[in-house]
Full PDB file with SEQRES, HELIX, SHEET, SSBOND, CRYST1, ORIGX, SCALE, CONECT and MASTER records, all heavy atoms in Angstrom:
SEQRES   1 A   38  GLU HIS HIS VAL ASP VAL VAL PHE MET ASP ILE GLN MET          
SEQRES   2 A   38  PRO VAL LEU SER GLY LEU GLU ALA ALA ARG GLN ILE LYS          
SEQRES   3 A   38  ALA PHE ASP GLN GLN ILE ILE ILE VAL PHE LEU THR              
HELIX    1 AA1 GLY A   18  PHE A   28  1                                  11    
SHEET    1 AA1 2 VAL A   6  MET A   9  0                                        
SHEET    2 AA1 2 ILE A  33  PHE A  36  1                                        
CRYST1    1.000    1.000    1.000  90.00  90.00  90.00 P 1           1          
ORIGX1      1.000000  0.000000  0.000000        0.00000                         
ORIGX2      0.000000  1.000000  0.000000        0.00000                         
ORIGX3      0.000000  0.000000  1.000000        0.00000                         
SCALE1      1.000000  0.000000  0.000000        0.00000                         
SCALE2      0.000000  1.000000  0.000000        0.00000                         
SCALE3      0.000000  0.000000  1.000000        0.00000                         
ATOM      1  N   GLU A   1       0.774  -1.230   0.000  1.00  0.00           N  
ATOM      2  CA  GLU A   1      -0.011   0.018  -0.058  1.00  0.00           C  
ATOM      3  C   GLU A   1       0.833   1.303  -0.002  1.00  0.00           C  
ATOM      4  O   GLU A   1       0.341   2.306  -0.387  1.00  0.00           O  
ATOM      5  CB  GLU A   1      -0.866   0.036   1.212  1.00  0.00           C  
ATOM      6  CG  GLU A   1      -1.895  -1.124   1.269  1.00  0.00           C  
ATOM      7  CD  GLU A   1      -2.697  -1.158   2.599  1.00  0.00           C  
ATOM      8  OE1 GLU A   1      -2.636  -0.178   3.347  1.00  0.00           O  
ATOM      9  OE2 GLU A   1      -3.366  -2.222   2.810  1.00  0.00           O  
ATOM     10  N   HIS A   2       2.082   1.202   0.521  1.00  0.00           N  
ATOM     11  CA  HIS A   2       2.910   2.416   0.740  1.00  0.00           C  
ATOM     12  C   HIS A   2       4.277   2.260   0.027  1.00  0.00           C  
ATOM     13  O   HIS A   2       4.776   1.082   0.094  1.00  0.00           O  
ATOM     14  CB  HIS A   2       3.085   2.748   2.203  1.00  0.00           C  
ATOM     15  CG  HIS A   2       1.782   2.882   2.852  1.00  0.00           C  
ATOM     16  ND1 HIS A   2       1.064   4.077   2.876  1.00  0.00           N  
ATOM     17  CD2 HIS A   2       1.084   2.024   3.723  1.00  0.00           C  
ATOM     18  CE1 HIS A   2       0.010   3.952   3.636  1.00  0.00           C  
ATOM     19  NE2 HIS A   2      -0.002   2.744   4.154  1.00  0.00           N  
ATOM     20  N   HIS A   3       4.915   3.313  -0.384  1.00  0.00           N  
ATOM     21  CA  HIS A   3       6.275   3.213  -0.785  1.00  0.00           C  
ATOM     22  C   HIS A   3       7.117   3.138   0.506  1.00  0.00           C  
ATOM     23  O   HIS A   3       7.039   4.009   1.390  1.00  0.00           O  
ATOM     24  CB  HIS A   3       6.664   4.450  -1.560  1.00  0.00           C  
ATOM     25  CG  HIS A   3       8.112   4.533  -1.813  1.00  0.00           C  
ATOM     26  ND1 HIS A   3       8.783   3.698  -2.722  1.00  0.00           N  
ATOM     27  CD2 HIS A   3       9.113   5.244  -1.209  1.00  0.00           C  
ATOM     28  CE1 HIS A   3      10.049   3.960  -2.797  1.00  0.00           C  
ATOM     29  NE2 HIS A   3      10.315   4.838  -1.773  1.00  0.00           N  
ATOM     30  N   VAL A   4       7.966   2.162   0.548  1.00  0.00           N  
ATOM     31  CA  VAL A   4       8.923   1.921   1.714  1.00  0.00           C  
ATOM     32  C   VAL A   4      10.279   1.716   1.233  1.00  0.00           C  
ATOM     33  O   VAL A   4      10.498   0.892   0.304  1.00  0.00           O  
ATOM     34  CB  VAL A   4       8.468   0.814   2.555  1.00  0.00           C  
ATOM     35  CG1 VAL A   4       9.441   0.483   3.662  1.00  0.00           C  
ATOM     36  CG2 VAL A   4       7.008   1.044   3.208  1.00  0.00           C  
ATOM     37  N   ASP A   5      11.241   2.380   1.764  1.00  0.00           N  
ATOM     38  CA  ASP A   5      12.671   2.252   1.337  1.00  0.00           C  
ATOM     39  C   ASP A   5      13.400   1.229   2.252  1.00  0.00           C  
ATOM     40  O   ASP A   5      14.222   0.403   1.776  1.00  0.00           O  
ATOM     41  CB  ASP A   5      13.359   3.597   1.472  1.00  0.00           C  
ATOM     42  CG  ASP A   5      12.834   4.625   0.446  1.00  0.00           C  
ATOM     43  OD1 ASP A   5      12.926   4.396  -0.749  1.00  0.00           O  
ATOM     44  OD2 ASP A   5      12.271   5.593   0.926  1.00  0.00           O  
ATOM     45  N   VAL A   6      13.107   1.297   3.535  1.00  0.00           N  
ATOM     46  CA  VAL A   6      13.755   0.343   4.435  1.00  0.00           C  
ATOM     47  C   VAL A   6      12.752  -0.102   5.569  1.00  0.00           C  
ATOM     48  O   VAL A   6      11.911   0.598   5.906  1.00  0.00           O  
ATOM     49  CB  VAL A   6      14.967   1.113   5.091  1.00  0.00           C  
ATOM     50  CG1 VAL A   6      14.452   2.288   5.938  1.00  0.00           C  
ATOM     51  CG2 VAL A   6      15.802   0.245   5.990  1.00  0.00           C  
ATOM     52  N   VAL A   7      12.945  -1.400   5.920  1.00  0.00           N  
ATOM     53  CA  VAL A   7      12.159  -2.020   6.960  1.00  0.00           C  
ATOM     54  C   VAL A   7      13.047  -2.424   8.111  1.00  0.00           C  
ATOM     55  O   VAL A   7      14.021  -3.062   7.919  1.00  0.00           O  
ATOM     56  CB  VAL A   7      11.390  -3.266   6.402  1.00  0.00           C  
ATOM     57  CG1 VAL A   7      10.599  -3.974   7.474  1.00  0.00           C  
ATOM     58  CG2 VAL A   7      10.519  -2.932   5.191  1.00  0.00           C  
ATOM     59  N   PHE A   8      12.693  -1.854   9.275  1.00  0.00           N  
ATOM     60  CA  PHE A   8      13.337  -2.263  10.539  1.00  0.00           C  
ATOM     61  C   PHE A   8      12.366  -3.289  11.201  1.00  0.00           C  
ATOM     62  O   PHE A   8      11.287  -2.863  11.552  1.00  0.00           O  
ATOM     63  CB  PHE A   8      13.598  -1.093  11.487  1.00  0.00           C  
ATOM     64  CG  PHE A   8      14.600  -0.128  10.954  1.00  0.00           C  
ATOM     65  CD1 PHE A   8      14.286   0.902  10.110  1.00  0.00           C  
ATOM     66  CD2 PHE A   8      15.977  -0.277  11.290  1.00  0.00           C  
ATOM     67  CE1 PHE A   8      15.208   1.774   9.610  1.00  0.00           C  
ATOM     68  CE2 PHE A   8      16.901   0.606  10.751  1.00  0.00           C  
ATOM     69  CZ  PHE A   8      16.558   1.619  10.017  1.00  0.00           C  
ATOM     70  N   MET A   9      12.824  -4.517  11.291  1.00  0.00           N  
ATOM     71  CA  MET A   9      11.866  -5.566  11.683  1.00  0.00           C  
ATOM     72  C   MET A   9      12.393  -6.531  12.719  1.00  0.00           C  
ATOM     73  O   MET A   9      13.488  -7.049  12.635  1.00  0.00           O  
ATOM     74  CB  MET A   9      11.446  -6.359  10.441  1.00  0.00           C  
ATOM     75  CG  MET A   9      10.293  -7.382  10.624  1.00  0.00           C  
ATOM     76  SD  MET A   9       9.473  -7.828   9.136  1.00  0.00           S  
ATOM     77  CE  MET A   9      10.691  -7.901   7.829  1.00  0.00           C  
ATOM     78  N   ASP A  10      11.454  -6.846  13.706  1.00  0.00           N  
ATOM     79  CA  ASP A  10      11.756  -7.904  14.640  1.00  0.00           C  
ATOM     80  C   ASP A  10      11.704  -9.207  13.982  1.00  0.00           C  
ATOM     81  O   ASP A  10      11.004  -9.406  12.913  1.00  0.00           O  
ATOM     82  CB  ASP A  10      10.735  -7.787  15.803  1.00  0.00           C  
ATOM     83  CG  ASP A  10      11.121  -8.617  17.038  1.00  0.00           C  
ATOM     84  OD1 ASP A  10      12.280  -9.184  17.106  1.00  0.00           O  
ATOM     85  OD2 ASP A  10      10.284  -8.777  17.889  1.00  0.00           O  
ATOM     86  N   ILE A  11      12.250 -10.237  14.570  1.00  0.00           N  
ATOM     87  CA  ILE A  11      12.150 -11.666  13.972  1.00  0.00           C  
ATOM     88  C   ILE A  11      11.018 -12.437  14.558  1.00  0.00           C  
ATOM     89  O   ILE A  11      10.201 -12.958  13.923  1.00  0.00           O  
ATOM     90  CB  ILE A  11      13.527 -12.374  14.113  1.00  0.00           C  
ATOM     91  CG1 ILE A  11      14.510 -11.717  13.166  1.00  0.00           C  
ATOM     92  CG2 ILE A  11      13.317 -13.833  13.836  1.00  0.00           C  
ATOM     93  CD1 ILE A  11      15.858 -12.389  13.166  1.00  0.00           C  
ATOM     94  N   GLN A  12      10.908 -12.448  15.894  1.00  0.00           N  
ATOM     95  CA  GLN A  12       9.975 -13.278  16.550  1.00  0.00           C  
ATOM     96  C   GLN A  12       8.727 -12.463  16.841  1.00  0.00           C  
ATOM     97  O   GLN A  12       8.659 -11.573  17.745  1.00  0.00           O  
ATOM     98  CB  GLN A  12      10.481 -13.725  17.952  1.00  0.00           C  
ATOM     99  CG  GLN A  12      11.620 -14.742  17.790  1.00  0.00           C  
ATOM    100  CD  GLN A  12      11.175 -16.169  17.343  1.00  0.00           C  
ATOM    101  OE1 GLN A  12      10.661 -16.277  16.203  1.00  0.00           O  
ATOM    102  NE2 GLN A  12      11.282 -17.074  18.173  1.00  0.00           N  
ATOM    103  N   MET A  13       7.629 -12.674  16.032  1.00  0.00           N  
ATOM    104  CA  MET A  13       6.351 -11.949  16.194  1.00  0.00           C  
ATOM    105  C   MET A  13       5.214 -12.956  15.910  1.00  0.00           C  
ATOM    106  O   MET A  13       5.346 -13.950  15.226  1.00  0.00           O  
ATOM    107  CB  MET A  13       6.359 -10.850  15.131  1.00  0.00           C  
ATOM    108  CG  MET A  13       7.290  -9.746  15.413  1.00  0.00           C  
ATOM    109  SD  MET A  13       7.119  -8.387  14.083  1.00  0.00           S  
ATOM    110  CE  MET A  13       7.702  -9.261  12.737  1.00  0.00           C  
ATOM    111  N   PRO A  14       4.117 -12.623  16.530  1.00  0.00           N  
ATOM    112  CA  PRO A  14       2.867 -13.470  16.225  1.00  0.00           C  
ATOM    113  C   PRO A  14       2.404 -13.254  14.864  1.00  0.00           C  
ATOM    114  O   PRO A  14       2.812 -12.267  14.170  1.00  0.00           O  
ATOM    115  CB  PRO A  14       1.914 -13.010  17.290  1.00  0.00           C  
ATOM    116  CG  PRO A  14       2.313 -11.664  17.517  1.00  0.00           C  
ATOM    117  CD  PRO A  14       3.779 -11.536  17.475  1.00  0.00           C  
ATOM    118  N   VAL A  15       1.569 -14.117  14.380  1.00  0.00           N  
ATOM    119  CA  VAL A  15       0.855 -14.106  13.123  1.00  0.00           C  
ATOM    120  C   VAL A  15       1.792 -14.520  11.962  1.00  0.00           C  
ATOM    121  O   VAL A  15       1.677 -15.481  11.287  1.00  0.00           O  
ATOM    122  CB  VAL A  15       0.173 -12.730  12.761  1.00  0.00           C  
ATOM    123  CG1 VAL A  15      -0.648 -12.810  11.442  1.00  0.00           C  
ATOM    124  CG2 VAL A  15      -0.742 -12.342  13.904  1.00  0.00           C  
ATOM    125  N   LEU A  16       2.902 -13.685  11.741  1.00  0.00           N  
ATOM    126  CA  LEU A  16       3.838 -13.955  10.651  1.00  0.00           C  
ATOM    127  C   LEU A  16       5.241 -13.460  11.220  1.00  0.00           C  
ATOM    128  O   LEU A  16       5.373 -12.314  11.484  1.00  0.00           O  
ATOM    129  CB  LEU A  16       3.446 -13.226   9.393  1.00  0.00           C  
ATOM    130  CG  LEU A  16       4.258 -13.585   8.082  1.00  0.00           C  
ATOM    131  CD1 LEU A  16       4.089 -15.026   7.686  1.00  0.00           C  
ATOM    132  CD2 LEU A  16       3.883 -12.609   7.028  1.00  0.00           C  
ATOM    133  N   SER A  17       6.207 -14.386  11.177  1.00  0.00           N  
ATOM    134  CA  SER A  17       7.548 -14.005  11.694  1.00  0.00           C  
ATOM    135  C   SER A  17       8.210 -12.972  10.814  1.00  0.00           C  
ATOM    136  O   SER A  17       7.857 -12.842   9.545  1.00  0.00           O  
ATOM    137  CB  SER A  17       8.403 -15.220  11.770  1.00  0.00           C  
ATOM    138  OG  SER A  17       8.880 -15.614  10.478  1.00  0.00           O  
ATOM    139  N   GLY A  18       9.141 -12.279  11.281  1.00  0.00           N  
ATOM    140  CA  GLY A  18       9.930 -11.370  10.515  1.00  0.00           C  
ATOM    141  C   GLY A  18      10.667 -11.946   9.421  1.00  0.00           C  
ATOM    142  O   GLY A  18      10.750 -11.370   8.313  1.00  0.00           O  
ATOM    143  N   LEU A  19      11.190 -13.179   9.633  1.00  0.00           N  
ATOM    144  CA  LEU A  19      11.904 -13.872   8.492  1.00  0.00           C  
ATOM    145  C   LEU A  19      10.971 -14.138   7.344  1.00  0.00           C  
ATOM    146  O   LEU A  19      11.256 -13.953   6.215  1.00  0.00           O  
ATOM    147  CB  LEU A  19      12.606 -15.127   9.012  1.00  0.00           C  
ATOM    148  CG  LEU A  19      13.707 -14.869  10.015  1.00  0.00           C  
ATOM    149  CD1 LEU A  19      14.116 -16.138  10.660  1.00  0.00           C  
ATOM    150  CD2 LEU A  19      14.880 -14.219   9.363  1.00  0.00           C  
ATOM    151  N   GLU A  20       9.774 -14.688   7.636  1.00  0.00           N  
ATOM    152  CA  GLU A  20       8.859 -15.006   6.593  1.00  0.00           C  
ATOM    153  C   GLU A  20       8.292 -13.763   5.927  1.00  0.00           C  
ATOM    154  O   GLU A  20       8.237 -13.615   4.718  1.00  0.00           O  
ATOM    155  CB  GLU A  20       7.661 -15.768   7.093  1.00  0.00           C  
ATOM    156  CG  GLU A  20       6.625 -16.168   6.049  1.00  0.00           C  
ATOM    157  CD  GLU A  20       7.185 -16.947   4.866  1.00  0.00           C  
ATOM    158  OE1 GLU A  20       8.140 -17.756   4.969  1.00  0.00           O  
ATOM    159  OE2 GLU A  20       6.769 -16.595   3.739  1.00  0.00           O  
ATOM    160  N   ALA A  21       8.076 -12.648   6.731  1.00  0.00           N  
ATOM    161  CA  ALA A  21       7.660 -11.398   6.198  1.00  0.00           C  
ATOM    162  C   ALA A  21       8.733 -10.844   5.226  1.00  0.00           C  
ATOM    163  O   ALA A  21       8.424 -10.380   4.159  1.00  0.00           O  
ATOM    164  CB  ALA A  21       7.361 -10.435   7.264  1.00  0.00           C  
ATOM    165  N   ALA A  22       9.992 -10.932   5.571  1.00  0.00           N  
ATOM    166  CA  ALA A  22      11.090 -10.435   4.802  1.00  0.00           C  
ATOM    167  C   ALA A  22      11.084 -11.249   3.460  1.00  0.00           C  
ATOM    168  O   ALA A  22      11.355 -10.640   2.373  1.00  0.00           O  
ATOM    169  CB  ALA A  22      12.431 -10.556   5.508  1.00  0.00           C  
ATOM    170  N   ARG A  23      10.919 -12.468   3.554  1.00  0.00           N  
ATOM    171  CA  ARG A  23      10.868 -13.348   2.304  1.00  0.00           C  
ATOM    172  C   ARG A  23       9.786 -12.861   1.347  1.00  0.00           C  
ATOM    173  O   ARG A  23      10.031 -12.633   0.164  1.00  0.00           O  
ATOM    174  CB  ARG A  23      10.601 -14.819   2.709  1.00  0.00           C  
ATOM    175  CG  ARG A  23      10.818 -15.785   1.606  1.00  0.00           C  
ATOM    176  CD  ARG A  23      10.715 -17.248   2.159  1.00  0.00           C  
ATOM    177  NE  ARG A  23      11.893 -17.639   2.946  1.00  0.00           N  
ATOM    178  CZ  ARG A  23      11.855 -17.751   4.237  1.00  0.00           C  
ATOM    179  NH1 ARG A  23      10.786 -17.619   4.931  1.00  0.00           N  
ATOM    180  NH2 ARG A  23      12.981 -18.045   4.906  1.00  0.00           N  
ATOM    181  N   GLN A  24       8.629 -12.563   1.910  1.00  0.00           N  
ATOM    182  CA  GLN A  24       7.485 -11.970   1.038  1.00  0.00           C  
ATOM    183  C   GLN A  24       7.792 -10.683   0.546  1.00  0.00           C  
ATOM    184  O   GLN A  24       7.420 -10.227  -0.591  1.00  0.00           O  
ATOM    185  CB  GLN A  24       6.183 -12.096   1.839  1.00  0.00           C  
ATOM    186  CG  GLN A  24       5.724 -13.488   2.123  1.00  0.00           C  
ATOM    187  CD  GLN A  24       4.418 -13.581   2.849  1.00  0.00           C  
ATOM    188  OE1 GLN A  24       3.504 -12.629   2.778  1.00  0.00           O  
ATOM    189  NE2 GLN A  24       4.292 -14.695   3.637  1.00  0.00           N  
ATOM    190  N   ILE A  25       8.334  -9.739   1.362  1.00  0.00           N  
ATOM    191  CA  ILE A  25       8.615  -8.415   1.008  1.00  0.00           C  
ATOM    192  C   ILE A  25       9.708  -8.357  -0.131  1.00  0.00           C  
ATOM    193  O   ILE A  25       9.533  -7.708  -1.119  1.00  0.00           O  
ATOM    194  CB  ILE A  25       9.151  -7.593   2.304  1.00  0.00           C  
ATOM    195  CG1 ILE A  25       7.949  -7.320   3.185  1.00  0.00           C  
ATOM    196  CG2 ILE A  25       9.848  -6.319   1.772  1.00  0.00           C  
ATOM    197  CD1 ILE A  25       8.429  -6.755   4.544  1.00  0.00           C  
ATOM    198  N   LYS A  26      10.737  -9.235   0.039  1.00  0.00           N  
ATOM    199  CA  LYS A  26      11.761  -9.230  -0.997  1.00  0.00           C  
ATOM    200  C   LYS A  26      11.233  -9.843  -2.352  1.00  0.00           C  
ATOM    201  O   LYS A  26      11.638  -9.438  -3.445  1.00  0.00           O  
ATOM    202  CB  LYS A  26      12.991 -10.113  -0.536  1.00  0.00           C  
ATOM    203  CG  LYS A  26      13.887  -9.339   0.439  1.00  0.00           C  
ATOM    204  CD  LYS A  26      14.463  -8.159  -0.196  1.00  0.00           C  
ATOM    205  CE  LYS A  26      15.659  -7.579   0.587  1.00  0.00           C  
ATOM    206  NZ  LYS A  26      16.342  -6.547  -0.214  1.00  0.00           N  
ATOM    207  N   ALA A  27      10.225 -10.761  -2.262  1.00  0.00           N  
ATOM    208  CA  ALA A  27       9.602 -11.337  -3.385  1.00  0.00           C  
ATOM    209  C   ALA A  27       8.770 -10.219  -4.127  1.00  0.00           C  
ATOM    210  O   ALA A  27       8.687 -10.177  -5.405  1.00  0.00           O  
ATOM    211  CB  ALA A  27       8.725 -12.413  -3.056  1.00  0.00           C  
ATOM    212  N   PHE A  28       8.246  -9.295  -3.352  1.00  0.00           N  
ATOM    213  CA  PHE A  28       7.529  -8.194  -3.909  1.00  0.00           C  
ATOM    214  C   PHE A  28       8.358  -7.111  -4.503  1.00  0.00           C  
ATOM    215  O   PHE A  28       8.113  -6.579  -5.586  1.00  0.00           O  
ATOM    216  CB  PHE A  28       6.581  -7.609  -2.876  1.00  0.00           C  
ATOM    217  CG  PHE A  28       5.714  -6.412  -3.289  1.00  0.00           C  
ATOM    218  CD1 PHE A  28       4.661  -6.514  -4.194  1.00  0.00           C  
ATOM    219  CD2 PHE A  28       6.113  -5.188  -2.831  1.00  0.00           C  
ATOM    220  CE1 PHE A  28       3.992  -5.395  -4.585  1.00  0.00           C  
ATOM    221  CE2 PHE A  28       5.373  -4.013  -3.228  1.00  0.00           C  
ATOM    222  CZ  PHE A  28       4.352  -4.146  -4.133  1.00  0.00           C  
ATOM    223  N   ASP A  29       9.529  -6.745  -3.783  1.00  0.00           N  
ATOM    224  CA  ASP A  29      10.357  -5.694  -4.204  1.00  0.00           C  
ATOM    225  C   ASP A  29      11.701  -5.898  -3.685  1.00  0.00           C  
ATOM    226  O   ASP A  29      12.047  -5.709  -2.492  1.00  0.00           O  
ATOM    227  CB  ASP A  29       9.779  -4.375  -3.695  1.00  0.00           C  
ATOM    228  CG  ASP A  29      10.598  -3.139  -4.227  1.00  0.00           C  
ATOM    229  OD1 ASP A  29      11.709  -3.314  -4.763  1.00  0.00           O  
ATOM    230  OD2 ASP A  29      10.121  -2.057  -4.066  1.00  0.00           O  
ATOM    231  N   GLN A  30      12.634  -6.342  -4.646  1.00  0.00           N  
ATOM    232  CA  GLN A  30      14.026  -6.640  -4.155  1.00  0.00           C  
ATOM    233  C   GLN A  30      14.746  -5.384  -3.629  1.00  0.00           C  
ATOM    234  O   GLN A  30      15.806  -5.518  -2.984  1.00  0.00           O  
ATOM    235  CB  GLN A  30      14.753  -7.259  -5.321  1.00  0.00           C  
ATOM    236  CG  GLN A  30      14.473  -8.668  -5.636  1.00  0.00           C  
ATOM    237  CD  GLN A  30      15.089  -9.582  -4.521  1.00  0.00           C  
ATOM    238  OE1 GLN A  30      16.229  -9.381  -4.078  1.00  0.00           O  
ATOM    239  NE2 GLN A  30      14.447 -10.623  -4.221  1.00  0.00           N  
ATOM    240  N   GLN A  31      14.354  -4.152  -4.012  1.00  0.00           N  
ATOM    241  CA  GLN A  31      15.005  -2.937  -3.611  1.00  0.00           C  
ATOM    242  C   GLN A  31      14.826  -2.544  -2.227  1.00  0.00           C  
ATOM    243  O   GLN A  31      15.607  -1.685  -1.728  1.00  0.00           O  
ATOM    244  CB  GLN A  31      14.639  -1.841  -4.631  1.00  0.00           C  
ATOM    245  CG  GLN A  31      14.923  -2.173  -6.082  1.00  0.00           C  
ATOM    246  CD  GLN A  31      16.384  -2.480  -6.338  1.00  0.00           C  
ATOM    247  OE1 GLN A  31      17.221  -1.756  -5.891  1.00  0.00           O  
ATOM    248  NE2 GLN A  31      16.641  -3.639  -6.963  1.00  0.00           N  
ATOM    249  N   ILE A  32      13.814  -3.018  -1.565  1.00  0.00           N  
ATOM    250  CA  ILE A  32      13.572  -2.636  -0.160  1.00  0.00           C  
ATOM    251  C   ILE A  32      14.632  -3.214   0.686  1.00  0.00           C  
ATOM    252  O   ILE A  32      14.924  -4.410   0.695  1.00  0.00           O  
ATOM    253  CB  ILE A  32      12.151  -3.122   0.287  1.00  0.00           C  
ATOM    254  CG1 ILE A  32      11.000  -2.503  -0.492  1.00  0.00           C  
ATOM    255  CG2 ILE A  32      11.909  -2.861   1.780  1.00  0.00           C  
ATOM    256  CD1 ILE A  32       9.667  -3.010  -0.259  1.00  0.00           C  
ATOM    257  N   ILE A  33      15.131  -2.285   1.499  1.00  0.00           N  
ATOM    258  CA  ILE A  33      16.211  -2.733   2.442  1.00  0.00           C  
ATOM    259  C   ILE A  33      15.671  -3.296   3.738  1.00  0.00           C  
ATOM    260  O   ILE A  33      14.679  -2.633   4.294  1.00  0.00           O  
ATOM    261  CB  ILE A  33      17.127  -1.537   2.889  1.00  0.00           C  
ATOM    262  CG1 ILE A  33      17.879  -1.004   1.524  1.00  0.00           C  
ATOM    263  CG2 ILE A  33      18.192  -1.801   3.840  1.00  0.00           C  
ATOM    264  CD1 ILE A  33      18.504   0.343   1.579  1.00  0.00           C  
ATOM    265  N   ILE A  34      16.140  -4.437   4.180  1.00  0.00           N  
ATOM    266  CA  ILE A  34      15.624  -5.042   5.357  1.00  0.00           C  
ATOM    267  C   ILE A  34      16.751  -5.027   6.427  1.00  0.00           C  
ATOM    268  O   ILE A  34      17.845  -5.398   6.208  1.00  0.00           O  
ATOM    269  CB  ILE A  34      15.226  -6.498   5.094  1.00  0.00           C  
ATOM    270  CG1 ILE A  34      14.216  -6.748   4.002  1.00  0.00           C  
ATOM    271  CG2 ILE A  34      14.764  -7.195   6.433  1.00  0.00           C  
ATOM    272  CD1 ILE A  34      12.821  -6.353   4.367  1.00  0.00           C  
ATOM    273  N   VAL A  35      16.454  -4.504   7.608  1.00  0.00           N  
ATOM    274  CA  VAL A  35      17.263  -4.475   8.765  1.00  0.00           C  
ATOM    275  C   VAL A  35      16.550  -5.193   9.925  1.00  0.00           C  
ATOM    276  O   VAL A  35      15.414  -4.815  10.277  1.00  0.00           O  
ATOM    277  CB  VAL A  35      17.643  -3.076   9.195  1.00  0.00           C  
ATOM    278  CG1 VAL A  35      18.491  -3.077  10.471  1.00  0.00           C  
ATOM    279  CG2 VAL A  35      18.381  -2.387   8.045  1.00  0.00           C  
ATOM    280  N   PHE A  36      17.100  -6.231  10.378  1.00  0.00           N  
ATOM    281  CA  PHE A  36      16.540  -7.023  11.448  1.00  0.00           C  
ATOM    282  C   PHE A  36      16.998  -6.452  12.817  1.00  0.00           C  
ATOM    283  O   PHE A  36      18.155  -6.126  13.003  1.00  0.00           O  
ATOM    284  CB  PHE A  36      16.834  -8.556  11.444  1.00  0.00           C  
ATOM    285  CG  PHE A  36      16.032  -9.210  10.425  1.00  0.00           C  
ATOM    286  CD1 PHE A  36      16.692  -9.697   9.241  1.00  0.00           C  
ATOM    287  CD2 PHE A  36      14.682  -9.452  10.530  1.00  0.00           C  
ATOM    288  CE1 PHE A  36      15.882 -10.322   8.267  1.00  0.00           C  
ATOM    289  CE2 PHE A  36      13.892 -10.089   9.601  1.00  0.00           C  
ATOM    290  CZ  PHE A  36      14.596 -10.576   8.462  1.00  0.00           C  
ATOM    291  N   LEU A  37      16.040  -6.177  13.709  1.00  0.00           N  
ATOM    292  CA  LEU A  37      16.271  -5.772  15.065  1.00  0.00           C  
ATOM    293  C   LEU A  37      15.618  -6.827  15.985  1.00  0.00           C  
ATOM    294  O   LEU A  37      14.438  -7.069  15.986  1.00  0.00           O  
ATOM    295  CB  LEU A  37      15.590  -4.395  15.343  1.00  0.00           C  
ATOM    296  CG  LEU A  37      16.186  -3.242  14.630  1.00  0.00           C  
ATOM    297  CD1 LEU A  37      15.196  -2.169  14.460  1.00  0.00           C  
ATOM    298  CD2 LEU A  37      17.410  -2.752  15.404  1.00  0.00           C  
ATOM    299  N   THR A  38      16.461  -7.531  16.738  1.00  0.00           N  
ATOM    300  CA  THR A  38      15.949  -8.679  17.464  1.00  0.00           C  
ATOM    301  C   THR A  38      16.686  -8.863  18.801  1.00  0.00           C  
ATOM    302  O   THR A  38      17.827  -8.436  18.918  1.00  0.00           O  
ATOM    303  CB  THR A  38      15.993  -9.921  16.641  1.00  0.00           C  
ATOM    304  OG1 THR A  38      15.423 -11.023  17.362  1.00  0.00           O  
ATOM    305  CG2 THR A  38      17.439 -10.275  16.250  1.00  0.00           C  
TER     306      THR A  38                                                      
MASTER        0    0    0    1    2    0    0    6  305    1    0    3          
END                                                                             
């Protein structure tokens, strides 16, 4: 829904983990930068 340049994301979360979310985000847009904070 939104233009995002960088994602700061936890790994252990309910519903969908940060790792799985990152996999889906990268599949949608390889240019988005992912930084894990855990």
